[in-house]
Amino acid sequence: MRKERIHIVRKKILIVLLVAGLSVGTASAQFGFGGIVYDPTNYHNALLRYFQLQQHLVELQKSYTQLVSQYNLAMQMARNLKNMQARYHALFSQWRNGSALDAFGNTAGWITGVNTGNVGGGYQLSTTELLPYNASHLSGMDANELSRVRSQYATVELTDGANVTAMATLGSIRSNALNLETQMGNLENDSLSGDADLNSEVSVLNKIT
């Protein structure tokens, strides 16, 4: 009787141990202990994610290559010519003011007019005055002679007018020459400068304008 009880107890213990062993094996399989469980869904998702990352890497490489090309182009477009001052600097002849002796005091006005543009009476004072014809002389001329005299008189008047206008124009140019030369010098220096502030797109357009 005692032996049968011992046998029954041993049998129960063996069953308990077997059940416990099966439970541990099942838990190990579920949580990844003692073996690898293949999950098709997770594997497919992992492959898809890897493919997406690979495509993203390709796009990043293309973007990087494009940015490098744009940067190189920008650097090339930003380069200045070397020695621009030596290559393009131009020297212009300076305007020289007119001068003349004034023994009898009748050339100063002409010189002032040709240097400043303010002619005034300087031209008439320094040239022979055109006097009007005597009315009796004109009345004694025939039609052909009178026409010729009038044409000659008009020729002198037009010559004097052209001379006065030329003096005023030349004098104005000479009077503004120094300021114009200064402004042109500023433009030239700015155009040939290597200063980045003077070579931006807007700055170049301003200088062109």
N, C-alpha and C. Protein backbone atom coordinates (compact mmCIF):
# COMPACT_ATOMS: atom_id res chain seq x y z
N MET A 1 0.82 -1.20 0.00
CA MET A 1 0.00 0.00 0.00
C MET A 1 0.86 1.25 0.00
N ARG A 2 1.83 1.24 0.77
CA ARG A 2 2.75 2.37 0.88
C ARG A 2 3.48 2.58 -0.43
N LYS A 3 3.86 1.49 -1.07
CA LYS A 3 4.57 1.59 -2.35
C LYS A 3 3.68 2.20 -3.42
N GLU A 4 2.40 1.86 -3.39
CA GLU A 4 1.48 2.40 -4.39
C GLU A 4 1.34 3.90 -4.22
N ARG A 5 1.25 4.37 -2.95
CA ARG A 5 1.15 5.80 -2.71
C ARG A 5 2.39 6.55 -3.22
N ILE A 6 3.53 5.96 -2.95
CA ILE A 6 4.78 6.60 -3.40
C ILE A 6 4.80 6.68 -4.92
N HIS A 7 4.32 5.62 -5.56
CA HIS A 7 4.31 5.58 -7.00
C HIS A 7 3.35 6.65 -7.56
N ILE A 8 2.22 6.78 -6.90
CA ILE A 8 1.25 7.79 -7.35
C ILE A 8 1.81 9.19 -7.18
N VAL A 9 2.48 9.46 -6.08
CA VAL A 9 3.08 10.79 -5.81
C VAL A 9 4.13 11.10 -6.86
N ARG A 10 4.99 10.12 -7.14
CA ARG A 10 6.03 10.32 -8.14
C ARG A 10 5.40 10.63 -9.52
N LYS A 11 4.29 9.92 -9.81
CA LYS A 11 3.63 10.13 -11.10
C LYS A 11 3.08 11.56 -11.18
N LYS A 12 2.49 12.05 -10.10
CA LYS A 12 1.96 13.40 -10.08
C LYS A 12 3.08 14.44 -10.23
N ILE A 13 4.19 14.19 -9.54
CA ILE A 13 5.32 15.13 -9.63
C ILE A 13 5.85 15.18 -11.06
N LEU A 14 5.92 14.02 -11.70
CA LEU A 14 6.41 13.96 -13.08
C LEU A 14 5.48 14.71 -14.02
N ILE A 15 4.17 14.55 -13.80
CA ILE A 15 3.20 15.28 -14.64
C ILE A 15 3.34 16.80 -14.46
N VAL A 16 3.50 17.21 -13.20
CA VAL A 16 3.66 18.65 -12.90
C VAL A 16 4.91 19.19 -13.56
N LEU A 17 6.01 18.44 -13.47
CA LEU A 17 7.27 18.88 -14.08
C LEU A 17 7.14 18.97 -15.59
N LEU A 18 6.43 17.98 -16.20
CA LEU A 18 6.24 17.98 -17.65
C LEU A 18 5.42 19.19 -18.09
N VAL A 19 4.33 19.44 -17.35
CA VAL A 19 3.49 20.62 -17.67
C VAL A 19 4.28 21.90 -17.51
N ALA A 20 5.07 22.00 -16.45
CA ALA A 20 5.88 23.21 -16.22
C ALA A 20 6.90 23.39 -17.33
N GLY A 21 7.49 22.24 -17.76
CA GLY A 21 8.46 22.33 -18.85
C GLY A 21 7.85 22.80 -20.14
N LEU A 22 6.66 22.29 -20.43
CA LEU A 22 5.96 22.72 -21.64
C LEU A 22 5.59 24.20 -21.57
N SER A 23 5.19 24.62 -20.37
CA SER A 23 4.83 26.04 -20.20
C SER A 23 6.03 26.94 -20.43
N VAL A 24 7.19 26.55 -19.88
CA VAL A 24 8.42 27.34 -20.08
C VAL A 24 8.82 27.38 -21.53
N GLY A 25 8.69 26.24 -22.22
CA GLY A 25 9.05 26.19 -23.65
C GLY A 25 8.16 27.09 -24.47
N THR A 26 6.86 27.06 -24.15
CA THR A 26 5.93 27.93 -24.89
C THR A 26 6.24 29.39 -24.64
N ALA A 27 6.51 29.76 -23.40
CA ALA A 27 6.85 31.16 -23.08
C ALA A 27 8.13 31.58 -23.76
N SER A 28 9.10 30.65 -23.81
CA SER A 28 10.37 30.98 -24.46
C SER A 28 10.15 31.26 -25.94
N ALA A 29 9.29 30.45 -26.56
CA ALA A 29 9.02 30.66 -27.98
C ALA A 29 8.31 31.97 -28.21
N GLN A 30 7.37 32.34 -27.28
CA GLN A 30 6.62 33.58 -27.47
C GLN A 30 7.48 34.81 -27.25
N PHE A 31 8.36 34.79 -26.33
CA PHE A 31 9.18 35.97 -26.00
C PHE A 31 10.57 35.94 -26.61
N GLY A 32 10.87 34.97 -27.44
CA GLY A 32 12.14 34.95 -28.15
C GLY A 32 13.26 34.29 -27.42
N PHE A 33 12.98 33.57 -26.40
CA PHE A 33 14.05 32.88 -25.67
C PHE A 33 14.17 31.46 -26.18
N GLY A 34 15.40 31.08 -26.50
CA GLY A 34 15.67 29.71 -26.89
C GLY A 34 15.40 29.41 -28.34
N GLY A 35 15.00 30.42 -29.18
CA GLY A 35 14.76 30.15 -30.59
C GLY A 35 14.29 31.39 -31.32
N ILE A 36 14.20 31.38 -32.66
CA ILE A 36 13.76 32.49 -33.50
C ILE A 36 12.42 32.17 -34.10
N VAL A 37 11.47 33.09 -33.96
CA VAL A 37 10.13 32.91 -34.53
C VAL A 37 10.02 33.75 -35.77
N TYR A 38 9.70 33.22 -36.90
CA TYR A 38 9.58 33.93 -38.19
C TYR A 38 8.19 34.53 -38.30
N ASP A 39 8.14 35.90 -38.49
CA ASP A 39 6.88 36.61 -38.66
C ASP A 39 6.88 37.24 -40.05
N PRO A 40 6.13 36.73 -41.03
CA PRO A 40 6.15 37.24 -42.42
C PRO A 40 5.77 38.72 -42.51
N THR A 41 4.81 39.17 -41.70
CA THR A 41 4.37 40.57 -41.77
C THR A 41 5.48 41.53 -41.35
N ASN A 42 6.12 41.22 -40.23
CA ASN A 42 7.22 42.07 -39.77
C ASN A 42 8.38 42.08 -40.78
N TYR A 43 8.65 40.93 -41.34
CA TYR A 43 9.74 40.83 -42.32
C TYR A 43 9.43 41.68 -43.55
N HIS A 44 8.18 41.62 -44.03
CA HIS A 44 7.79 42.43 -45.20
C HIS A 44 7.89 43.92 -44.89
N ASN A 45 7.44 44.31 -43.70
CA ASN A 45 7.51 45.72 -43.32
C ASN A 45 8.95 46.19 -43.19
N ALA A 46 9.81 45.32 -42.70
CA ALA A 46 11.23 45.69 -42.58
C ALA A 46 11.87 45.88 -43.95
N LEU A 47 11.55 45.00 -44.88
CA LEU A 47 12.08 45.14 -46.24
C LEU A 47 11.57 46.41 -46.91
N LEU A 48 10.28 46.71 -46.71
CA LEU A 48 9.70 47.93 -47.29
C LEU A 48 10.36 49.18 -46.72
N ARG A 49 10.58 49.16 -45.42
CA ARG A 49 11.23 50.31 -44.78
C ARG A 49 12.66 50.47 -45.28
N TYR A 50 13.36 49.37 -45.44
CA TYR A 50 14.73 49.43 -45.95
C TYR A 50 14.75 49.99 -47.37
N PHE A 51 13.80 49.58 -48.21
CA PHE A 51 13.72 50.09 -49.58
C PHE A 51 13.44 51.59 -49.59
N GLN A 52 12.54 52.01 -48.71
CA GLN A 52 12.23 53.44 -48.63
C GLN A 52 13.45 54.25 -48.18
N LEU A 53 14.17 53.75 -47.22
CA LEU A 53 15.39 54.44 -46.78
C LEU A 53 16.42 54.51 -47.90
N GLN A 54 16.52 53.44 -48.67
CA GLN A 54 17.47 53.41 -49.79
C GLN A 54 17.10 54.47 -50.84
N GLN A 55 15.79 54.58 -51.15
CA GLN A 55 15.33 55.58 -52.10
C GLN A 55 15.57 56.99 -51.57
N HIS A 56 15.35 57.17 -50.30
CA HIS A 56 15.59 58.48 -49.68
C HIS A 56 17.06 58.85 -49.76
N LEU A 57 17.93 57.89 -49.56
CA LEU A 57 19.36 58.14 -49.67
C LEU A 57 19.74 58.56 -51.09
N VAL A 58 19.13 57.90 -52.09
CA VAL A 58 19.41 58.26 -53.48
C VAL A 58 18.98 59.70 -53.76
N GLU A 59 17.79 60.09 -53.27
CA GLU A 59 17.32 61.46 -53.45
C GLU A 59 18.22 62.46 -52.76
N LEU A 60 18.68 62.13 -51.57
CA LEU A 60 19.61 63.02 -50.86
C LEU A 60 20.92 63.18 -51.62
N GLN A 61 21.41 62.11 -52.20
CA GLN A 61 22.64 62.20 -52.99
C GLN A 61 22.45 63.09 -54.21
N LYS A 62 21.28 62.97 -54.88
CA LYS A 62 20.99 63.83 -56.03
C LYS A 62 20.92 65.29 -55.60
N SER A 63 20.24 65.56 -54.49
CA SER A 63 20.11 66.93 -54.00
C SER A 63 21.48 67.51 -53.64
N TYR A 64 22.30 66.69 -53.01
CA TYR A 64 23.65 67.14 -52.65
C TYR A 64 24.46 67.48 -53.89
N THR A 65 24.39 66.62 -54.90
CA THR A 65 25.12 66.89 -56.15
C THR A 65 24.64 68.18 -56.80
N GLN A 66 23.34 68.41 -56.81
CA GLN A 66 22.78 69.62 -57.41
C GLN A 66 23.22 70.86 -56.63
N LEU A 67 23.19 70.78 -55.31
CA LEU A 67 23.61 71.91 -54.49
C LEU A 67 25.08 72.23 -54.69
N VAL A 68 25.91 71.22 -54.81
CA VAL A 68 27.34 71.44 -55.05
C VAL A 68 27.55 72.12 -56.41
N SER A 69 26.80 71.67 -57.42
CA SER A 69 26.91 72.28 -58.74
C SER A 69 26.48 73.75 -58.70
N GLN A 70 25.38 74.03 -58.03
CA GLN A 70 24.91 75.41 -57.91
C GLN A 70 25.91 76.27 -57.14
N TYR A 71 26.49 75.70 -56.11
CA TYR A 71 27.48 76.45 -55.33
C TYR A 71 28.71 76.75 -56.17
N ASN A 72 29.19 75.78 -56.92
CA ASN A 72 30.35 76.00 -57.79
C ASN A 72 30.06 77.06 -58.84
N LEU A 73 28.84 77.03 -59.41
CA LEU A 73 28.46 78.05 -60.40
C LEU A 73 28.41 79.43 -59.76
N ALA A 74 27.84 79.51 -58.56
CA ALA A 74 27.78 80.80 -57.86
C ALA A 74 29.17 81.33 -57.56
N MET A 75 30.07 80.46 -57.17
CA MET A 75 31.44 80.88 -56.90
C MET A 75 32.12 81.36 -58.17
N GLN A 76 31.87 80.66 -59.27
CA GLN A 76 32.46 81.07 -60.55
C GLN A 76 31.91 82.41 -61.00
N MET A 77 30.59 82.62 -60.83
CA MET A 77 29.99 83.88 -61.23
C MET A 77 30.41 85.04 -60.34
N ALA A 78 30.87 84.73 -59.13
CA ALA A 78 31.25 85.78 -58.18
C ALA A 78 32.70 86.20 -58.31
N ARG A 79 33.47 85.52 -59.17
CA ARG A 79 34.88 85.87 -59.29
C ARG A 79 35.05 87.20 -60.04
N ASN A 80 35.98 87.99 -59.58
CA ASN A 80 36.31 89.24 -60.25
C ASN A 80 37.53 89.04 -61.16
N LEU A 81 37.58 89.87 -62.20
CA LEU A 81 38.78 89.86 -63.03
C LEU A 81 39.96 90.40 -62.23
N LYS A 82 41.09 89.80 -62.40
CA LYS A 82 42.27 90.25 -61.68
C LYS A 82 42.89 91.47 -62.36
N ASN A 83 43.46 92.33 -61.52
CA ASN A 83 44.17 93.53 -62.01
C ASN A 83 43.28 94.40 -62.90
N MET A 84 42.03 94.59 -62.47
CA MET A 84 41.11 95.40 -63.28
C MET A 84 41.57 96.85 -63.39
N GLN A 85 42.15 97.38 -62.33
CA GLN A 85 42.63 98.76 -62.38
C GLN A 85 43.71 98.92 -63.44
N ALA A 86 44.63 97.96 -63.50
CA ALA A 86 45.71 98.05 -64.48
C ALA A 86 45.21 97.79 -65.89
N ARG A 87 44.17 96.93 -66.04
CA ARG A 87 43.69 96.55 -67.36
C ARG A 87 42.76 97.59 -67.97
N TYR A 88 41.94 98.25 -67.14
CA TYR A 88 40.87 99.06 -67.70
C TYR A 88 40.90 100.53 -67.27
N HIS A 89 41.77 100.90 -66.35
CA HIS A 89 41.80 102.29 -65.92
C HIS A 89 42.21 103.19 -67.08
N ALA A 90 41.40 104.22 -67.34
CA ALA A 90 41.64 105.11 -68.47
C ALA A 90 41.91 106.52 -67.97
N LEU A 91 42.86 107.19 -68.60
CA LEU A 91 43.19 108.57 -68.27
C LEU A 91 42.71 109.47 -69.39
N PHE A 92 41.91 110.47 -69.04
CA PHE A 92 41.38 111.40 -70.02
C PHE A 92 42.14 112.72 -69.95
N SER A 93 42.22 113.35 -71.10
CA SER A 93 42.87 114.65 -71.15
C SER A 93 42.03 115.67 -70.39
N GLN A 94 42.67 116.41 -69.54
CA GLN A 94 41.97 117.40 -68.76
C GLN A 94 41.68 118.65 -69.61
N TRP A 95 40.51 119.21 -69.38
CA TRP A 95 40.17 120.45 -70.06
C TRP A 95 41.05 121.57 -69.50
N ARG A 96 41.63 122.31 -70.40
CA ARG A 96 42.45 123.45 -70.00
C ARG A 96 41.71 124.74 -70.31
N ASN A 97 41.74 125.66 -69.37
CA ASN A 97 41.07 126.93 -69.58
C ASN A 97 41.83 127.78 -70.60
N GLY A 98 41.06 128.55 -71.37
CA GLY A 98 41.67 129.45 -72.34
C GLY A 98 42.32 130.65 -71.65
N SER A 99 43.31 131.19 -72.29
CA SER A 99 44.00 132.37 -71.74
C SER A 99 44.53 133.21 -72.91
N ALA A 100 44.67 134.47 -72.65
CA ALA A 100 45.18 135.38 -73.68
C ALA A 100 45.66 136.67 -73.01
N LEU A 101 46.53 137.36 -73.69
CA LEU A 101 46.96 138.68 -73.22
C LEU A 101 45.79 139.66 -73.35
N ASP A 102 45.83 140.75 -72.58
CA ASP A 102 44.74 141.73 -72.58
C ASP A 102 45.32 143.13 -72.52
N ALA A 103 46.03 143.47 -73.57
CA ALA A 103 46.74 144.76 -73.60
C ALA A 103 45.78 145.94 -73.52
N PHE A 104 44.65 145.85 -74.18
CA PHE A 104 43.72 146.98 -74.22
C PHE A 104 42.42 146.71 -73.44
N GLY A 105 42.38 145.63 -72.69
CA GLY A 105 41.24 145.37 -71.83
C GLY A 105 39.99 144.89 -72.55
N ASN A 106 40.15 144.31 -73.74
CA ASN A 106 38.97 143.84 -74.46
C ASN A 106 38.95 142.33 -74.72
N THR A 107 39.86 141.56 -74.09
CA THR A 107 39.85 140.10 -74.27
C THR A 107 39.39 139.35 -73.01
N ALA A 108 39.35 140.05 -71.87
CA ALA A 108 39.00 139.37 -70.60
C ALA A 108 37.59 138.79 -70.65
N GLY A 109 36.66 139.56 -71.23
CA GLY A 109 35.29 139.07 -71.31
C GLY A 109 35.18 137.83 -72.20
N TRP A 110 35.91 137.83 -73.30
CA TRP A 110 35.90 136.67 -74.21
C TRP A 110 36.45 135.44 -73.50
N ILE A 111 37.57 135.62 -72.77
CA ILE A 111 38.19 134.51 -72.04
C ILE A 111 37.26 133.98 -70.96
N THR A 112 36.60 134.90 -70.26
CA THR A 112 35.64 134.48 -69.23
C THR A 112 34.51 133.66 -69.85
N GLY A 113 34.00 134.10 -70.98
CA GLY A 113 32.91 133.38 -71.64
C GLY A 113 33.31 132.00 -72.10
N VAL A 114 34.50 131.88 -72.69
CA VAL A 114 34.93 130.60 -73.21
C VAL A 114 35.34 129.63 -72.11
N ASN A 115 35.56 130.13 -70.90
CA ASN A 115 35.93 129.26 -69.77
C ASN A 115 34.76 128.92 -68.86
N THR A 116 33.75 129.77 -68.82
CA THR A 116 32.64 129.58 -67.88
C THR A 116 31.29 129.42 -68.56
N GLY A 117 31.16 129.84 -69.82
CA GLY A 117 29.88 129.82 -70.49
C GLY A 117 29.10 131.10 -70.32
N ASN A 118 29.57 132.01 -69.48
CA ASN A 118 28.92 133.30 -69.28
C ASN A 118 29.54 134.32 -70.25
N VAL A 119 29.00 134.32 -71.47
CA VAL A 119 29.61 135.12 -72.53
C VAL A 119 29.38 136.62 -72.31
N GLY A 120 28.14 136.99 -72.02
CA GLY A 120 27.84 138.41 -71.83
C GLY A 120 28.20 139.23 -73.04
N GLY A 121 28.88 140.35 -72.85
CA GLY A 121 29.31 141.20 -73.96
C GLY A 121 30.76 140.99 -74.33
N GLY A 122 31.34 139.89 -73.81
CA GLY A 122 32.76 139.67 -74.06
C GLY A 122 33.08 139.45 -75.53
N TYR A 123 32.19 138.77 -76.25
CA TYR A 123 32.46 138.50 -77.67
C TYR A 123 32.40 139.79 -78.47
N GLN A 124 31.36 140.59 -78.26
CA GLN A 124 31.24 141.83 -79.01
C GLN A 124 32.39 142.78 -78.71
N LEU A 125 32.85 142.77 -77.42
CA LEU A 125 33.93 143.67 -77.05
C LEU A 125 35.26 143.29 -77.70
N SER A 126 35.46 142.02 -77.94
CA SER A 126 36.74 141.56 -78.48
C SER A 126 36.73 141.38 -80.00
N THR A 127 35.61 141.65 -80.65
CA THR A 127 35.53 141.54 -82.11
C THR A 127 35.06 142.87 -82.71
N THR A 128 35.25 142.98 -84.00
CA THR A 128 34.83 144.21 -84.69
C THR A 128 33.31 144.27 -84.74
N GLU A 129 32.79 145.39 -84.29
CA GLU A 129 31.34 145.54 -84.22
C GLU A 129 30.75 145.65 -85.62
N LEU A 130 29.63 145.00 -85.81
CA LEU A 130 28.92 145.06 -87.08
C LEU A 130 27.98 146.28 -87.06
N LEU A 131 28.35 147.30 -87.81
CA LEU A 131 27.57 148.54 -87.81
C LEU A 131 26.46 148.47 -88.86
N PRO A 132 25.37 149.11 -88.61
CA PRO A 132 24.29 149.12 -89.61
C PRO A 132 24.66 149.99 -90.82
N TYR A 133 24.07 149.65 -91.97
CA TYR A 133 24.30 150.43 -93.17
C TYR A 133 23.58 151.78 -93.06
N ASN A 134 24.17 152.78 -93.70
CA ASN A 134 23.53 154.10 -93.80
C ASN A 134 22.32 153.99 -94.72
N ALA A 135 21.22 154.54 -94.25
CA ALA A 135 19.98 154.43 -95.02
C ALA A 135 20.10 155.04 -96.41
N SER A 136 20.87 156.10 -96.54
CA SER A 136 21.04 156.73 -97.85
C SER A 136 21.83 155.83 -98.79
N HIS A 137 22.77 155.10 -98.23
CA HIS A 137 23.54 154.17 -99.06
C HIS A 137 22.65 153.04 -99.57
N LEU A 138 21.80 152.54 -98.69
CA LEU A 138 20.92 151.45 -99.09
C LEU A 138 19.92 151.91 -100.16
N SER A 139 19.45 153.11 -100.01
CA SER A 139 18.47 153.60 -100.99
C SER A 139 19.07 153.82 -102.36
N GLY A 140 20.41 154.01 -102.42
CA GLY A 140 21.05 154.24 -103.71
C GLY A 140 21.45 152.95 -104.42
N MET A 141 21.17 151.78 -103.83
CA MET A 141 21.55 150.50 -104.43
C MET A 141 20.40 149.95 -105.26
N ASP A 142 20.77 149.24 -106.34
CA ASP A 142 19.72 148.56 -107.10
C ASP A 142 19.32 147.27 -106.37
N ALA A 143 18.37 146.58 -106.90
CA ALA A 143 17.81 145.41 -106.23
C ALA A 143 18.85 144.30 -106.04
N ASN A 144 19.67 144.04 -107.06
CA ASN A 144 20.67 142.96 -106.96
C ASN A 144 21.72 143.30 -105.91
N GLU A 145 22.20 144.53 -105.95
CA GLU A 145 23.24 144.94 -104.99
C GLU A 145 22.69 144.94 -103.58
N LEU A 146 21.45 145.41 -103.41
CA LEU A 146 20.84 145.43 -102.08
C LEU A 146 20.66 144.01 -101.55
N SER A 147 20.27 143.08 -102.39
CA SER A 147 20.11 141.69 -101.97
C SER A 147 21.44 141.09 -101.55
N ARG A 148 22.51 141.41 -102.30
CA ARG A 148 23.84 140.89 -101.96
C ARG A 148 24.32 141.45 -100.63
N VAL A 149 24.11 142.74 -100.39
CA VAL A 149 24.54 143.36 -99.14
C VAL A 149 23.80 142.76 -97.95
N ARG A 150 22.51 142.56 -98.11
CA ARG A 150 21.73 141.96 -97.03
C ARG A 150 22.19 140.54 -96.72
N SER A 151 22.55 139.79 -97.76
CA SER A 151 23.04 138.42 -97.55
C SER A 151 24.38 138.42 -96.82
N GLN A 152 25.25 139.33 -97.20
CA GLN A 152 26.55 139.42 -96.54
C GLN A 152 26.40 139.85 -95.08
N TYR A 153 25.48 140.78 -94.86
CA TYR A 153 25.23 141.23 -93.50
C TYR A 153 24.68 140.07 -92.64
N ALA A 154 23.77 139.31 -93.21
CA ALA A 154 23.20 138.17 -92.49
C ALA A 154 24.26 137.11 -92.22
N THR A 155 25.19 136.93 -93.15
CA THR A 155 26.26 135.95 -92.95
C THR A 155 27.10 136.30 -91.74
N VAL A 156 27.42 137.57 -91.59
CA VAL A 156 28.22 138.01 -90.43
C VAL A 156 27.41 137.83 -89.15
N GLU A 157 26.13 138.16 -89.19
CA GLU A 157 25.29 138.01 -88.01
C GLU A 157 25.20 136.54 -87.57
N LEU A 158 24.99 135.66 -88.55
CA LEU A 158 24.93 134.23 -88.23
C LEU A 158 26.26 133.72 -87.69
N THR A 159 27.35 134.22 -88.25
CA THR A 159 28.68 133.81 -87.76
C THR A 159 28.88 134.26 -86.33
N ASP A 160 28.50 135.50 -86.04
CA ASP A 160 28.63 135.99 -84.66
C ASP A 160 27.75 135.18 -83.71
N GLY A 161 26.52 134.86 -84.14
CA GLY A 161 25.62 134.07 -83.29
C GLY A 161 26.17 132.67 -83.03
N ALA A 162 26.71 132.05 -84.09
CA ALA A 162 27.29 130.71 -83.92
C ALA A 162 28.50 130.75 -83.00
N ASN A 163 29.30 131.82 -83.13
CA ASN A 163 30.48 131.95 -82.27
C ASN A 163 30.09 132.12 -80.81
N VAL A 164 29.07 132.93 -80.54
CA VAL A 164 28.63 133.15 -79.17
C VAL A 164 28.08 131.85 -78.58
N THR A 165 27.28 131.11 -79.38
CA THR A 165 26.73 129.84 -78.90
C THR A 165 27.84 128.83 -78.62
N ALA A 166 28.83 128.77 -79.50
CA ALA A 166 29.95 127.85 -79.30
C ALA A 166 30.74 128.21 -78.06
N MET A 167 30.94 129.51 -77.85
CA MET A 167 31.65 129.94 -76.64
C MET A 167 30.89 129.53 -75.38
N ALA A 168 29.56 129.74 -75.39
CA ALA A 168 28.76 129.39 -74.22
C ALA A 168 28.80 127.88 -73.97
N THR A 169 28.70 127.09 -75.04
CA THR A 169 28.73 125.63 -74.89
C THR A 169 30.08 125.16 -74.38
N LEU A 170 31.13 125.64 -74.99
CA LEU A 170 32.48 125.26 -74.58
C LEU A 170 32.76 125.69 -73.16
N GLY A 171 32.31 126.89 -72.82
CA GLY A 171 32.54 127.38 -71.45
C GLY A 171 31.80 126.54 -70.42
N SER A 172 30.56 126.13 -70.75
CA SER A 172 29.80 125.29 -69.82
C SER A 172 30.47 123.94 -69.62
N ILE A 173 30.99 123.36 -70.71
CA ILE A 173 31.69 122.07 -70.61
C ILE A 173 32.92 122.21 -69.72
N ARG A 174 33.67 123.27 -69.96
CA ARG A 174 34.87 123.47 -69.15
C ARG A 174 34.52 123.73 -67.69
N SER A 175 33.44 124.47 -67.48
CA SER A 175 33.06 124.80 -66.10
C SER A 175 32.64 123.56 -65.33
N ASN A 176 31.99 122.60 -66.01
CA ASN A 176 31.52 121.38 -65.34
C ASN A 176 32.51 120.22 -65.46
N ALA A 177 33.64 120.46 -66.11
CA ALA A 177 34.58 119.36 -66.39
C ALA A 177 35.11 118.74 -65.11
N LEU A 178 35.44 119.54 -64.12
CA LEU A 178 36.03 119.01 -62.89
C LEU A 178 35.03 118.13 -62.15
N ASN A 179 33.79 118.60 -62.03
CA ASN A 179 32.77 117.81 -61.35
C ASN A 179 32.46 116.53 -62.12
N LEU A 180 32.38 116.64 -63.46
CA LEU A 180 32.12 115.46 -64.29
C LEU A 180 33.25 114.45 -64.17
N GLU A 181 34.47 114.94 -64.16
CA GLU A 181 35.61 114.03 -64.03
C GLU A 181 35.60 113.33 -62.68
N THR A 182 35.19 114.06 -61.64
CA THR A 182 35.10 113.44 -60.31
C THR A 182 34.05 112.34 -60.29
N GLN A 183 32.87 112.61 -60.88
CA GLN A 183 31.80 111.62 -60.90
C GLN A 183 32.18 110.40 -61.74
N MET A 184 32.81 110.63 -62.87
CA MET A 184 33.25 109.51 -63.71
C MET A 184 34.33 108.70 -63.00
N GLY A 185 35.18 109.39 -62.26
CA GLY A 185 36.20 108.68 -61.49
C GLY A 185 35.58 107.81 -60.41
N ASN A 186 34.53 108.32 -59.75
CA ASN A 186 33.83 107.51 -58.74
C ASN A 186 33.21 106.28 -59.38
N LEU A 187 32.58 106.46 -60.53
CA LEU A 187 31.96 105.32 -61.22
C LEU A 187 33.02 104.30 -61.64
N GLU A 188 34.13 104.78 -62.13
CA GLU A 188 35.19 103.87 -62.56
C GLU A 188 35.76 103.11 -61.37
N ASN A 189 36.00 103.82 -60.27
CA ASN A 189 36.56 103.16 -59.09
C ASN A 189 35.59 102.12 -58.53
N ASP A 190 34.29 102.46 -58.52
CA ASP A 190 33.30 101.51 -58.02
C ASP A 190 33.19 100.30 -58.94
N SER A 191 33.29 100.54 -60.24
CA SER A 191 33.15 99.43 -61.21
C SER A 191 34.35 98.49 -61.14
N LEU A 192 35.52 99.03 -60.88
CA LEU A 192 36.73 98.22 -60.86
C LEU A 192 37.07 97.71 -59.46
N SER A 193 36.26 98.07 -58.48
CA SER A 193 36.54 97.69 -57.10
C SER A 193 36.23 96.21 -56.88
N GLY A 194 37.00 95.60 -55.99
CA GLY A 194 36.75 94.21 -55.61
C GLY A 194 35.90 94.09 -54.36
N ASP A 195 35.40 95.22 -53.85
CA ASP A 195 34.56 95.21 -52.66
C ASP A 195 33.26 94.46 -52.94
N ALA A 196 32.93 93.50 -52.08
CA ALA A 196 31.72 92.69 -52.30
C ALA A 196 30.46 93.55 -52.26
N ASP A 197 30.45 94.60 -51.44
CA ASP A 197 29.26 95.46 -51.35
C ASP A 197 29.01 96.21 -52.65
N LEU A 198 30.04 96.41 -53.46
CA LEU A 198 29.91 97.14 -54.72
C LEU A 198 29.73 96.20 -55.91
N ASN A 199 29.66 94.90 -55.64
CA ASN A 199 29.54 93.93 -56.74
C ASN A 199 28.34 93.00 -56.56
N SER A 200 27.41 93.39 -55.70
CA SER A 200 26.17 92.63 -55.61
C SER A 200 25.35 92.86 -56.87
N GLU A 201 24.33 92.06 -57.07
CA GLU A 201 23.52 92.18 -58.29
C GLU A 201 22.86 93.55 -58.39
N VAL A 202 22.31 94.04 -57.28
CA VAL A 202 21.66 95.33 -57.27
C VAL A 202 22.67 96.45 -57.48
N SER A 203 23.85 96.33 -56.86
CA SER A 203 24.87 97.36 -57.02
C SER A 203 25.33 97.46 -58.46
N VAL A 204 25.52 96.32 -59.12
CA VAL A 204 25.94 96.33 -60.52
C VAL A 204 24.86 96.97 -61.39
N LEU A 205 23.59 96.64 -61.12
CA LEU A 205 22.50 97.24 -61.90
C LEU A 205 22.45 98.75 -61.66
N ASN A 206 22.71 99.19 -60.44
CA ASN A 206 22.73 100.62 -60.16
C ASN A 206 23.83 101.32 -60.95
N LYS A 207 25.00 100.70 -61.01
CA LYS A 207 26.11 101.31 -61.75
C LYS A 207 25.83 101.33 -63.25
N ILE A 208 25.20 100.27 -63.74
CA ILE A 208 24.84 100.25 -65.17
C ILE A 208 23.84 101.36 -65.48
N THR A 209 22.86 101.54 -64.58
CA THR A 209 21.88 102.59 -64.77
C THR A 209 22.53 103.96 -64.77
